[in-house]
């Protein structure tokens, strides 16, 4: 099982849920653990320089390092352990780097400019998708000629199958940068576009999903309402006005999607888990699954009869994509980590992160590091933190062990720098002992009142395993990530090392070589 596998850099001592487990009092325990970690680190000198037949990118939206750590503790506590010693699936990856997330015009970035960086390989302005920094947000007439393509398109051009799986709407910022070129991330359908943008020839993002790369094999997430004519009742919520269709052009994009598929191929559209699980995946060539009118339901609130989990969607996607002998590229987004944080609902955010980690584990079981490069990263962080000198095994959603020495009130370990959790009662900070701070929708206290909590600007982690994963090794600009993935998979522009038998120099001056020469050449360069 997943929990039985030993990680590359860590071992997971079992916890007795005591402040200090007995074996942890013995120095030998820590020394042996460190020596085993050292042995595994030394084995990594034998670099995996295979060609990556497959590439999987897991993107935890808003999954900064504090979120990763807190999710690790939560995962352990869900199994009745202390939590700190728990090993996430991403913790098992042998190579870890840091990503600088700023946009070209923003110190603290948004999810659109960052998605353009880690999918298209160029940094861009806040709020823009699949375009260079020459494009000004919301100004359609700056778009033409400044479009940039993504690694999903490079993979498709190389004959690979491609897929997008997200817990947000499929035309949200992260997935959209894989296929769209838009001056504004909010142009979900033509209903959200200003008239001048439509007159100038710009297309909404939902339209571009089916037009720009029409043969994406797997698309799963939310966003139904942007695919149907305005005021069309939703199939699941027929009486909910907010979930009705939005399109002003009168088009049914699901029908348009079906019509673009070859007659000899099987294309399926599903809108609930029951339909999804009934599919014979051996007979599925194209799959569109739109499970909610907007974003998917939080994992904690999910109806596991009608709504698929992220793990289930990833498993389905992989079974379809793996049929291509040339391999695949799959983008997986745990998108509602970000939403939970924006709402100040840390419990929702962290359960979303734990679910994405489960999906990473499922993908690990279904693939091999010999031919599959897997990268896990985030687009940006949040102003989320946890602290307060909590003891070992303290419930991650619990109180700090002391009261404030200023206002003499208790406080939760988890706090936000800003957000909707700011509460003043009779001129003083709210006493959290009077509310249920373990509720799924509890909004953790924040220092500054805001309707929505903001992103954070610090670097985020990149975890990598598989062919050429060692190229993610230090502090990188975020736009470096797809260049590594493309190099590993021999797709896109940087393929000289795949065609010749001798080491070459890439245009940037970096060493490039075929797998058989790369290891020796790199070691000579380093040592």
Protein backbone atom coordinates (compact mmCIF):
# COMPACT_ATOMS: atom_id res chain seq x y z
CA UNK A 1 0.00 0.00 0.00
CA UNK A 2 0.91 3.66 -0.26
CA UNK A 3 1.73 3.99 3.43
CA UNK A 4 4.13 1.04 3.31
CA UNK A 5 6.54 2.56 0.81
CA UNK A 6 9.70 4.07 2.26
CA UNK A 7 10.31 7.64 1.03
CA UNK A 8 13.51 8.71 -0.64
CA UNK A 9 14.54 11.19 2.00
CA UNK A 10 12.51 10.27 5.06
CA UNK A 11 11.32 7.40 7.12
CA UNK A 12 8.08 7.64 9.01
CA UNK A 13 8.44 6.48 12.60
CA UNK A 14 5.12 5.30 13.95
CA UNK A 15 3.65 7.56 16.56
CA UNK A 16 2.08 6.50 19.83
CA UNK A 17 0.31 9.87 20.05
CA UNK A 18 2.40 10.73 23.10
CA UNK A 19 4.27 14.03 23.35
CA UNK A 20 7.45 12.01 22.78
CA UNK A 21 7.37 8.40 21.56
CA UNK A 22 9.65 6.16 23.62
CA UNK A 23 11.95 5.29 20.71
CA UNK A 24 12.44 8.97 19.94
CA UNK A 25 14.15 9.41 23.31
CA UNK A 26 16.96 7.16 22.12
CA UNK A 27 19.62 9.00 20.03
CA UNK A 28 20.12 5.80 18.05
CA UNK A 29 16.67 6.19 16.49
CA UNK A 30 17.56 9.57 14.96
CA UNK A 31 21.06 8.51 13.93
CA UNK A 32 19.82 5.41 12.14
CA UNK A 33 17.11 7.41 10.41
CA UNK A 34 19.66 9.98 9.25
CA UNK A 35 22.05 7.27 8.04
CA UNK A 36 19.32 5.66 5.99
CA UNK A 37 18.48 9.04 4.50
CA UNK A 38 22.17 9.50 3.70
CA UNK A 39 22.34 6.12 1.93
CA UNK A 40 19.36 7.04 -0.19
CA UNK A 41 20.82 10.44 -1.01
CA UNK A 42 24.06 8.79 -2.16
CA UNK A 43 22.10 6.47 -4.44
CA UNK A 44 20.70 9.51 -6.24
CA UNK A 45 24.12 10.12 -7.79
CA UNK A 46 22.98 7.59 -10.39
CA UNK A 47 20.87 10.06 -12.30
CA UNK A 48 17.75 9.04 -14.22
CA UNK A 49 18.48 10.39 -17.71
CA UNK A 50 15.83 8.40 -19.54
CA UNK A 51 13.46 10.12 -21.92
CA UNK A 52 10.18 10.90 -20.15
CA UNK A 53 7.51 9.15 -22.17
CA UNK A 54 4.93 10.66 -19.81
CA UNK A 55 4.77 13.91 -17.84
CA UNK A 56 2.37 14.66 -14.99
CA UNK A 57 2.16 18.11 -13.41
CA UNK A 58 0.30 18.34 -10.11
CA UNK A 59 -0.48 21.96 -9.28
CA UNK A 60 -1.71 22.76 -5.78
CA UNK A 61 -3.26 26.19 -6.23
CA UNK A 62 -2.17 28.30 -3.28
CA UNK A 63 -0.22 25.40 -1.75
CA UNK A 64 2.61 27.30 -0.10
CA UNK A 65 5.13 25.59 2.18
CA UNK A 66 3.11 26.28 5.38
CA UNK A 67 0.13 24.60 3.70
CA UNK A 68 2.24 21.56 2.78
CA UNK A 69 3.47 21.23 6.37
CA UNK A 70 0.01 21.66 7.88
CA UNK A 71 -1.46 19.16 5.39
CA UNK A 72 1.23 16.66 6.41
CA UNK A 73 0.22 17.00 10.05
CA UNK A 74 -3.47 16.72 9.15
CA UNK A 75 -2.85 13.59 7.09
CA UNK A 76 -1.15 11.96 10.07
CA UNK A 77 -3.81 13.03 12.52
CA UNK A 78 -6.53 11.60 10.28
CA UNK A 79 -4.79 8.25 10.90
CA UNK A 80 -4.65 8.89 14.67
CA UNK A 81 -0.96 9.77 14.69
CA UNK A 82 0.72 12.88 16.04
CA UNK A 83 1.14 14.08 12.47
CA UNK A 84 4.52 15.82 12.36
CA UNK A 85 6.39 12.64 11.46
CA UNK A 86 3.94 11.73 8.69
CA UNK A 87 5.20 11.47 5.11
CA UNK A 88 3.16 12.98 2.30
CA UNK A 89 3.34 11.38 -1.11
CA UNK A 90 5.09 14.49 -2.40
CA UNK A 91 7.59 14.20 0.48
CA UNK A 92 8.83 10.97 -1.11
CA UNK A 93 10.04 12.73 -4.24
CA UNK A 94 13.86 12.77 -4.35
CA UNK A 95 14.36 16.25 -5.82
CA UNK A 96 13.05 19.48 -4.34
CA UNK A 97 13.53 23.06 -5.53
CA UNK A 98 12.06 26.49 -4.92
CA UNK A 99 10.08 28.54 -7.42
CA UNK A 100 10.07 32.35 -7.57
CA UNK A 101 6.44 33.18 -8.24
CA UNK A 102 6.30 36.92 -9.00
CA UNK A 103 4.49 38.11 -12.12
CA UNK A 104 6.14 40.59 -14.48
CA UNK A 105 4.06 43.38 -12.93
CA UNK A 106 3.32 41.94 -9.49
CA UNK A 107 5.47 41.13 -6.49
CA UNK A 108 2.66 38.97 -5.06
CA UNK A 109 1.24 37.11 -8.05
CA UNK A 110 -2.11 35.80 -9.22
CA UNK A 111 -2.94 32.37 -10.60
CA UNK A 112 -3.17 33.43 -14.25
CA UNK A 113 0.24 35.02 -14.66
CA UNK A 114 1.81 32.16 -12.73
CA UNK A 115 0.02 29.51 -14.82
CA UNK A 116 1.42 31.14 -17.95
CA UNK A 117 4.88 30.80 -16.40
CA UNK A 118 4.79 27.12 -15.36
CA UNK A 119 2.84 25.97 -18.44
CA UNK A 120 4.05 28.25 -21.24
CA UNK A 121 7.58 28.96 -20.06
CA UNK A 122 7.39 32.77 -19.98
CA UNK A 123 6.52 35.15 -17.18
CA UNK A 124 3.48 37.34 -17.77
CA UNK A 125 1.34 40.07 -16.26
CA UNK A 126 -1.14 39.44 -13.47
CA UNK A 127 -4.55 38.36 -14.73
CA UNK A 128 -3.46 37.34 -18.24
CA UNK A 129 -3.42 33.83 -19.70
CA UNK A 130 -1.24 32.29 -22.39
CA UNK A 131 0.16 35.61 -23.53
CA UNK A 132 3.43 37.47 -23.00
CA UNK A 133 3.98 40.48 -20.77
CA UNK A 134 3.34 42.70 -23.82
CA UNK A 135 -0.38 42.14 -23.18
CA UNK A 136 -2.20 44.49 -20.81
CA UNK A 137 -4.94 42.97 -18.70
CA UNK A 138 -8.47 43.45 -20.07
CA UNK A 139 -7.22 45.12 -23.26
CA UNK A 140 -8.15 42.76 -26.07
CA UNK A 141 -6.33 44.79 -28.72
CA UNK A 142 -2.96 44.06 -27.10
CA UNK A 143 -3.33 40.29 -27.56
CA UNK A 144 -2.71 39.60 -31.26
CA UNK A 145 0.84 38.49 -31.95
CA UNK A 146 1.65 38.09 -28.27
CA UNK A 147 0.23 34.59 -27.75
CA UNK A 148 2.48 31.92 -26.21
CA UNK A 149 1.88 28.16 -26.36
CA UNK A 150 1.93 25.66 -23.52
CA UNK A 151 3.58 22.34 -22.80
CA UNK A 152 0.18 20.71 -23.33
CA UNK A 153 0.24 21.92 -26.92
CA UNK A 154 3.89 20.86 -27.34
CA UNK A 155 2.99 17.37 -26.14
CA UNK A 156 -0.01 17.18 -28.46
CA UNK A 157 2.17 18.27 -31.40
CA UNK A 158 4.54 15.41 -30.56
CA UNK A 159 1.73 12.88 -30.85
CA UNK A 160 1.10 12.41 -27.15
CA UNK A 161 -2.30 12.27 -25.52
CA UNK A 162 -3.12 15.15 -23.18
CA UNK A 163 -5.46 15.74 -20.31
CA UNK A 164 -6.67 18.36 -17.85
CA UNK A 165 -8.16 17.47 -14.45
CA UNK A 166 -9.15 20.16 -11.95
CA UNK A 167 -11.37 20.73 -8.94
CA UNK A 168 -12.18 24.23 -10.22
CA UNK A 169 -14.05 25.08 -13.41
CA UNK A 170 -12.14 23.90 -16.49
CA UNK A 171 -11.92 27.49 -17.73
CA UNK A 172 -10.41 28.79 -14.49
CA UNK A 173 -6.94 30.34 -14.41
CA UNK A 174 -4.75 27.25 -14.01
CA UNK A 175 -6.24 24.97 -16.67
CA UNK A 176 -6.92 27.87 -19.05
CA UNK A 177 -3.25 28.71 -19.53
CA UNK A 178 -2.81 25.24 -21.04
CA UNK A 179 -4.99 26.08 -24.05
CA UNK A 180 -6.19 29.71 -24.05
CA UNK A 181 -4.76 33.11 -24.93
CA UNK A 182 -6.72 35.74 -23.04
CA UNK A 183 -6.07 39.28 -21.90
CA UNK A 184 -8.32 38.61 -18.92
CA UNK A 185 -8.70 35.46 -16.81
CA UNK A 186 -12.30 36.43 -15.98
CA UNK A 187 -13.56 36.07 -19.55
CA UNK A 188 -15.04 32.65 -18.75
CA UNK A 189 -17.75 32.99 -21.42
CA UNK A 190 -18.77 35.82 -23.73
CA UNK A 191 -21.21 36.94 -21.03
CA UNK A 192 -18.25 38.10 -18.90
CA UNK A 193 -16.53 40.00 -21.72
CA UNK A 194 -16.89 43.73 -22.44
CA UNK A 195 -18.56 44.43 -25.81
CA UNK A 196 -15.43 46.08 -27.23
CA UNK A 197 -13.37 42.93 -26.57
CA UNK A 198 -15.87 40.84 -28.55
CA UNK A 199 -15.95 43.44 -31.33
CA UNK A 200 -12.15 43.39 -31.49
CA UNK A 201 -12.23 39.64 -32.11
CA UNK A 202 -11.23 38.21 -28.73
CA UNK A 203 -12.81 34.89 -27.79
CA UNK A 204 -13.96 33.79 -24.36
CA UNK A 205 -11.99 31.06 -22.57
CA UNK A 206 -14.67 28.35 -22.79
CA UNK A 207 -14.83 28.88 -26.55
CA UNK A 208 -11.05 28.58 -26.78
CA UNK A 209 -11.08 25.28 -24.87
CA UNK A 210 -12.75 23.63 -27.86
CA UNK A 211 -11.23 25.70 -30.65
CA UNK A 212 -7.53 26.13 -29.89
CA UNK A 213 -6.62 22.50 -29.17
CA UNK A 214 -9.75 20.61 -30.23
CA UNK A 215 -8.38 17.10 -29.63
CA UNK A 216 -7.63 17.17 -25.89
CA UNK A 217 -8.41 13.61 -24.85
CA UNK A 218 -9.48 14.21 -21.23
CA UNK A 219 -11.11 17.29 -19.70
CA UNK A 220 -12.58 16.99 -16.20
CA UNK A 221 -13.65 19.57 -13.65
CA UNK A 222 -16.46 22.06 -13.25
CA UNK A 223 -17.79 24.95 -15.32
CA UNK A 224 -20.95 23.58 -16.98
CA UNK A 225 -22.80 26.87 -17.01
CA UNK A 226 -20.27 28.55 -19.32
CA UNK A 227 -20.92 25.93 -22.01
CA UNK A 228 -24.64 26.54 -22.54
CA UNK A 229 -26.85 29.36 -23.92
CA UNK A 230 -27.92 32.04 -21.46
CA UNK A 231 -30.70 31.00 -19.07
CA UNK A 232 -30.46 27.30 -19.97
CA UNK A 233 -31.43 25.36 -16.82
CA UNK A 234 -28.66 23.27 -15.31
CA UNK A 235 -29.15 19.51 -15.47
CA UNK A 236 -28.36 19.04 -11.77
CA UNK A 237 -29.81 22.23 -10.30
CA UNK A 238 -32.71 23.11 -12.65
CA UNK A 239 -34.29 25.61 -10.26
CA UNK A 240 -31.10 27.48 -9.33
CA UNK A 241 -30.89 30.69 -11.35
CA UNK A 242 -27.20 31.27 -10.52
CA UNK A 243 -26.31 27.99 -12.21
CA UNK A 244 -28.07 28.68 -15.52
CA UNK A 245 -26.20 28.93 -18.79
CA UNK A 246 -24.35 32.16 -19.52
CA UNK A 247 -23.50 32.17 -23.23
CA UNK A 248 -24.72 35.14 -25.25
CA UNK A 249 -23.80 33.57 -28.60
CA UNK A 250 -26.45 30.87 -28.15
CA UNK A 251 -23.96 28.05 -28.66
CA UNK A 252 -24.05 24.69 -26.88
CA UNK A 253 -20.32 24.00 -26.59
CA UNK A 254 -20.82 20.40 -25.46
CA UNK A 255 -22.60 19.60 -28.72
CA UNK A 256 -19.96 21.54 -30.64
CA UNK A 257 -17.29 19.45 -28.87
CA UNK A 258 -19.01 16.21 -29.86
CA UNK A 259 -19.23 17.25 -33.51
CA UNK A 260 -15.49 17.89 -33.76
CA UNK A 261 -14.65 14.27 -32.94
CA UNK A 262 -13.92 11.76 -35.74
CA UNK A 263 -16.69 9.31 -36.53
CA UNK A 264 -14.47 6.34 -35.67
CA UNK A 265 -13.67 7.67 -32.19
CA UNK A 266 -15.77 7.38 -29.05
CA UNK A 267 -16.38 10.68 -27.25
CA UNK A 268 -18.30 10.75 -23.97
CA UNK A 269 -19.71 13.66 -21.97
CA UNK A 270 -20.67 12.95 -18.34
CA UNK A 271 -21.87 15.23 -15.56
CA UNK A 272 -21.88 13.00 -12.46
CA UNK A 273 -19.83 10.31 -10.77
CA UNK A 274 -22.30 7.54 -11.55
CA UNK A 275 -21.98 8.14 -15.29
CA UNK A 276 -18.21 8.42 -14.99
CA UNK A 277 -17.78 5.14 -13.16
CA UNK A 278 -20.04 3.26 -15.60
CA UNK A 279 -17.77 4.03 -18.55
CA UNK A 280 -15.80 1.23 -20.16
CA UNK A 281 -12.54 3.15 -20.38
CA UNK A 282 -11.16 0.77 -22.97
CA UNK A 283 -13.75 2.19 -25.34
CA UNK A 284 -13.25 5.87 -24.45
CA UNK A 285 -11.15 7.98 -26.80
CA UNK A 286 -12.30 11.40 -25.57
CA UNK A 287 -13.85 12.29 -22.23
CA UNK A 288 -15.46 15.51 -21.08
CA UNK A 289 -16.62 15.46 -17.46
CA UNK A 290 -18.21 18.62 -16.07
CA UNK A 291 -19.47 17.79 -12.61
CA UNK A 292 -20.68 21.18 -11.36
CA UNK A 293 -21.99 24.43 -12.92
CA UNK A 294 -19.05 26.35 -11.46
CA UNK A 295 -16.31 24.83 -9.26
CA UNK A 296 -16.45 21.36 -7.74
CA UNK A 297 -17.68 20.99 -4.17
CA UNK A 298 -15.07 21.05 -1.40
CA UNK A 299 -13.78 17.56 -0.58
CA UNK A 300 -15.20 17.80 2.96
CA UNK A 301 -18.65 18.56 1.52
CA UNK A 302 -18.48 16.20 -1.46
CA UNK A 303 -21.32 13.75 -2.10
CA UNK A 304 -19.32 10.63 -2.87
CA UNK A 305 -22.26 9.12 -4.72
CA UNK A 306 -22.66 11.93 -7.26
CA UNK A 307 -19.33 13.80 -7.27
CA UNK A 308 -15.98 12.16 -8.11
CA UNK A 309 -12.94 12.86 -5.97
CA UNK A 310 -9.77 14.27 -7.45
CA UNK A 311 -8.13 10.87 -6.95
CA UNK A 312 -10.91 9.14 -8.88
CA UNK A 313 -10.68 11.63 -11.74
CA UNK A 314 -6.90 11.18 -11.93
CA UNK A 315 -7.26 7.40 -12.08
CA UNK A 316 -9.79 7.64 -14.92
CA UNK A 317 -7.63 10.13 -16.80
CA UNK A 318 -4.53 7.97 -16.54
CA UNK A 319 -6.34 4.85 -17.77
CA UNK A 320 -7.45 6.72 -20.88
CA UNK A 321 -4.18 8.54 -21.57
CA UNK A 322 -1.98 5.47 -21.03
CA UNK A 323 -3.43 3.83 -24.13
CA UNK A 324 -1.24 6.05 -26.33
CA UNK A 325 2.08 4.27 -27.04
CA UNK A 326 3.76 7.67 -27.49
CA UNK A 327 2.85 8.71 -23.95
CA UNK A 328 0.94 11.60 -22.45
CA UNK A 329 0.96 14.93 -20.62
CA UNK A 330 -1.50 15.37 -17.75
CA UNK A 331 -2.19 18.57 -15.81
CA UNK A 332 -3.85 17.97 -12.44
CA UNK A 333 -4.97 20.91 -10.32
CA UNK A 334 -5.98 20.82 -6.68
CA UNK A 335 -7.60 24.16 -7.25
CA UNK A 336 -9.76 24.61 -4.20
CA UNK A 337 -6.86 24.70 -1.75
CA UNK A 338 -6.71 28.30 -2.90
CA UNK A 339 -10.42 28.91 -2.46
CA UNK A 340 -10.40 27.57 1.10
CA UNK A 341 -7.61 29.95 2.03
CA UNK A 342 -9.25 32.93 0.33
CA UNK A 343 -12.36 32.29 2.43
CA UNK A 344 -10.25 31.93 5.59
CA UNK A 345 -11.45 28.33 5.88
CA UNK A 346 -8.22 26.53 6.70
CA UNK A 347 -9.96 23.22 7.35
CA UNK A 348 -11.40 23.17 3.84
CA UNK A 349 -8.06 24.19 2.31
CA UNK A 350 -6.02 21.56 4.13
CA UNK A 351 -8.43 18.73 3.37
CA UNK A 352 -8.19 19.74 -0.29
CA UNK A 353 -4.40 19.48 -0.02
CA UNK A 354 -4.60 16.04 1.60
CA UNK A 355 -6.89 14.87 -1.21
CA UNK A 356 -4.44 16.09 -3.82
CA UNK A 357 -1.73 14.15 -2.03
CA UNK A 358 -3.90 11.03 -2.29
CA UNK A 359 -4.16 11.65 -6.03
CA UNK A 360 -0.37 11.93 -6.24
CA UNK A 361 -0.13 8.55 -4.52
CA UNK A 362 -2.60 6.99 -6.94
CA UNK A 363 -0.64 8.30 -9.92
CA UNK A 364 2.55 6.92 -8.40
CA UNK A 365 1.03 3.44 -8.22
CA UNK A 366 -0.20 3.64 -11.82
CA UNK A 367 3.06 4.90 -13.38
CA UNK A 368 6.80 4.24 -13.23
CA UNK A 369 9.61 6.68 -12.46
CA UNK A 370 11.58 4.99 -15.22
CA UNK A 371 9.53 6.67 -17.94
CA UNK A 372 7.28 9.18 -16.15
CA UNK A 373 8.38 12.60 -14.91
CA UNK A 374 6.10 13.80 -12.12
CA UNK A 375 6.30 17.37 -10.85
CA UNK A 376 4.34 18.74 -7.89
CA UNK A 377 4.32 22.47 -7.26
CA UNK A 378 2.17 25.50 -6.45
CA UNK A 379 1.45 28.67 -8.32
CA UNK A 380 1.74 30.87 -5.23
CA UNK A 381 1.35 30.83 -1.48
CA UNK A 382 -1.13 32.44 0.95
CA UNK A 383 -0.84 34.55 4.09
CA UNK A 384 -1.61 31.38 6.07
CA UNK A 385 0.49 30.34 9.03
CA UNK A 386 0.44 28.14 12.09
CA UNK A 387 2.43 28.54 15.28
CA UNK A 388 2.10 29.47 18.92
CA UNK A 389 4.58 26.98 20.43
CA UNK A 390 2.12 24.13 20.08
CA UNK A 391 3.25 20.78 21.59
CA UNK A 392 3.89 17.65 19.56
CA UNK A 393 0.64 16.17 18.26
CA UNK A 394 -1.40 19.31 18.91
CA UNK A 395 -4.56 19.14 16.79
CA UNK A 396 -3.73 21.14 13.67
CA UNK A 397 -7.03 23.03 13.99
CA UNK A 398 -6.63 23.39 17.76
CA UNK A 399 -5.63 26.11 20.18
CA UNK A 400 -2.15 27.25 21.02
CA UNK A 401 -1.15 26.14 24.55
CA UNK A 402 -1.14 29.66 25.95
CA UNK A 403 -3.24 32.78 25.93
CA UNK A 404 -2.15 36.04 24.40
CA UNK A 405 -0.04 37.95 26.93
CA UNK A 406 -1.66 41.17 25.69
CA UNK A 407 -5.43 40.61 25.50
CA UNK A 408 -5.43 37.48 27.73
CA UNK A 409 -7.52 35.50 25.26
CA UNK A 410 -6.84 32.10 23.66
CA UNK A 411 -5.96 31.80 20.00
CA UNK A 412 -5.85 29.04 17.42
CA UNK A 413 -2.52 27.82 16.09
CA UNK A 414 -3.71 28.56 12.54
CA UNK A 415 -4.00 32.25 11.69
CA UNK A 416 -4.09 34.46 8.58
CA UNK A 417 -2.28 37.73 7.94
CA UNK A 418 -5.47 39.14 6.45
CA UNK A 419 -8.91 37.89 5.52
CA UNK A 420 -12.54 37.52 6.57
CA UNK A 421 -11.74 35.99 9.97
CA UNK A 422 -11.05 39.37 11.57
CA UNK A 423 -13.48 39.69 14.48
CA UNK A 424 -13.87 42.50 17.03
CA UNK A 425 -16.45 42.08 19.79
CA UNK A 426 -17.07 45.08 22.06
CA UNK A 427 -13.83 46.61 20.89
CA UNK A 428 -11.74 43.52 21.54
CA UNK A 429 -10.56 40.47 19.61
CA UNK A 430 -13.14 37.71 19.60
CA UNK A 431 -12.66 35.02 22.23
CA UNK A 432 -12.30 31.88 20.10
CA UNK A 433 -13.31 29.65 23.02
CA UNK A 434 -16.87 30.93 22.51
CA UNK A 435 -17.10 29.59 18.94
CA UNK A 436 -16.64 26.20 17.28
CA UNK A 437 -13.19 26.67 15.78
CA UNK A 438 -13.12 23.05 14.55
CA UNK A 439 -16.09 23.56 12.22
CA UNK A 440 -15.31 22.93 8.55
CA UNK A 441 -16.31 26.49 7.66
CA UNK A 442 -14.73 28.25 10.62
CA UNK A 443 -12.84 31.33 9.43
CA UNK A 444 -9.54 31.55 11.27
CA UNK A 445 -8.70 34.88 12.83
CA UNK A 446 -6.77 37.38 10.75
CA UNK A 447 -4.74 40.46 11.57
CA UNK A 448 -6.30 42.68 8.91
CA UNK A 449 -9.99 42.62 7.89
CA UNK A 450 -10.63 41.76 4.25
CA UNK A 451 -13.55 40.13 2.48
CA UNK A 452 -11.14 37.70 0.84
CA UNK A 453 -7.73 36.66 2.15
CA UNK A 454 -4.82 37.35 -0.20
CA UNK A 455 -2.01 35.40 -1.79
CA UNK A 456 1.45 35.34 -0.26
CA UNK A 457 4.59 36.31 -2.12
CA UNK A 458 7.19 33.83 -0.84
CA UNK A 459 8.79 31.09 -2.93
CA UNK A 460 6.93 27.80 -3.26
CA UNK A 461 8.27 24.25 -3.41
CA UNK A 462 8.80 22.11 -6.50
CA UNK A 463 8.90 18.33 -5.92
CA UNK A 464 10.12 16.14 -8.79
CA UNK A 465 10.77 12.47 -9.58
CA UNK A 466 11.44 10.52 -12.74
CA UNK A 467 13.53 11.24 -15.85
CA UNK A 468 15.59 14.44 -15.59
CA UNK A 469 13.97 15.36 -12.25
CA UNK A 470 17.43 16.39 -11.03
CA UNK A 471 17.22 19.46 -13.28
CA UNK A 472 14.85 20.89 -10.67
CA UNK A 473 17.53 21.42 -8.07
CA UNK A 474 17.79 24.94 -6.65
CA UNK A 475 16.00 28.28 -6.66
CA UNK A 476 14.39 28.77 -10.06
CA UNK A 477 12.25 31.27 -11.87
CA UNK A 478 8.79 29.72 -12.16
CA UNK A 479 8.87 29.78 -15.96
CA UNK A 480 11.82 27.33 -15.90
CA UNK A 481 9.53 24.44 -14.96
CA UNK A 482 7.97 23.64 -18.38
CA UNK A 483 11.38 23.91 -20.05
CA UNK A 484 12.60 21.06 -17.82
CA UNK A 485 9.49 18.99 -18.50
CA UNK A 486 9.81 19.51 -22.25
CA UNK A 487 13.55 18.74 -22.22
CA UNK A 488 12.88 15.51 -20.32
CA UNK A 489 10.12 14.46 -22.73
CA UNK A 490 11.92 15.55 -25.92
CA UNK A 491 9.07 17.82 -26.95
CA UNK A 492 8.88 21.49 -27.84
CA UNK A 493 11.87 23.38 -29.17
CA UNK A 494 14.70 22.03 -27.01
CA UNK A 495 15.10 18.59 -28.63
CA UNK A 496 18.61 18.70 -30.08
CA UNK A 497 19.81 16.28 -27.40
CA UNK A 498 17.21 13.75 -28.56
CA UNK A 499 18.24 13.67 -32.21
CA UNK A 500 22.04 13.41 -32.04
CA UNK A 501 24.32 10.93 -30.32
CA UNK A 502 26.85 13.38 -28.93
CA UNK A 503 26.62 16.09 -26.26
CA UNK A 504 25.69 19.50 -27.60
CA UNK A 505 25.16 22.99 -26.28
CA UNK A 506 21.71 24.47 -26.19
CA UNK A 507 21.16 28.09 -27.26
CA UNK A 508 21.36 29.14 -23.62
CA UNK A 509 24.76 27.50 -23.26
CA UNK A 510 23.49 24.72 -20.99
CA UNK A 511 24.76 21.22 -21.53
CA UNK A 512 22.42 19.10 -23.61
CA UNK A 513 22.94 15.44 -24.34
CA UNK A 514 21.24 12.20 -25.11
CA UNK A 515 20.41 10.11 -22.04
CA UNK A 516 23.35 7.76 -22.65
CA UNK A 517 25.87 10.63 -22.53
CA UNK A 518 24.12 12.97 -20.13
CA UNK A 519 25.05 11.40 -16.80
CA UNK A 520 28.81 11.28 -17.41
CA UNK A 521 28.89 14.75 -18.93
CA UNK A 522 26.90 16.28 -16.09
CA UNK A 523 29.02 14.64 -13.41
CA UNK A 524 32.18 15.95 -15.08
CA UNK A 525 30.63 19.39 -15.17
CA UNK A 526 29.69 19.27 -11.49
CA UNK A 527 32.76 17.58 -10.06
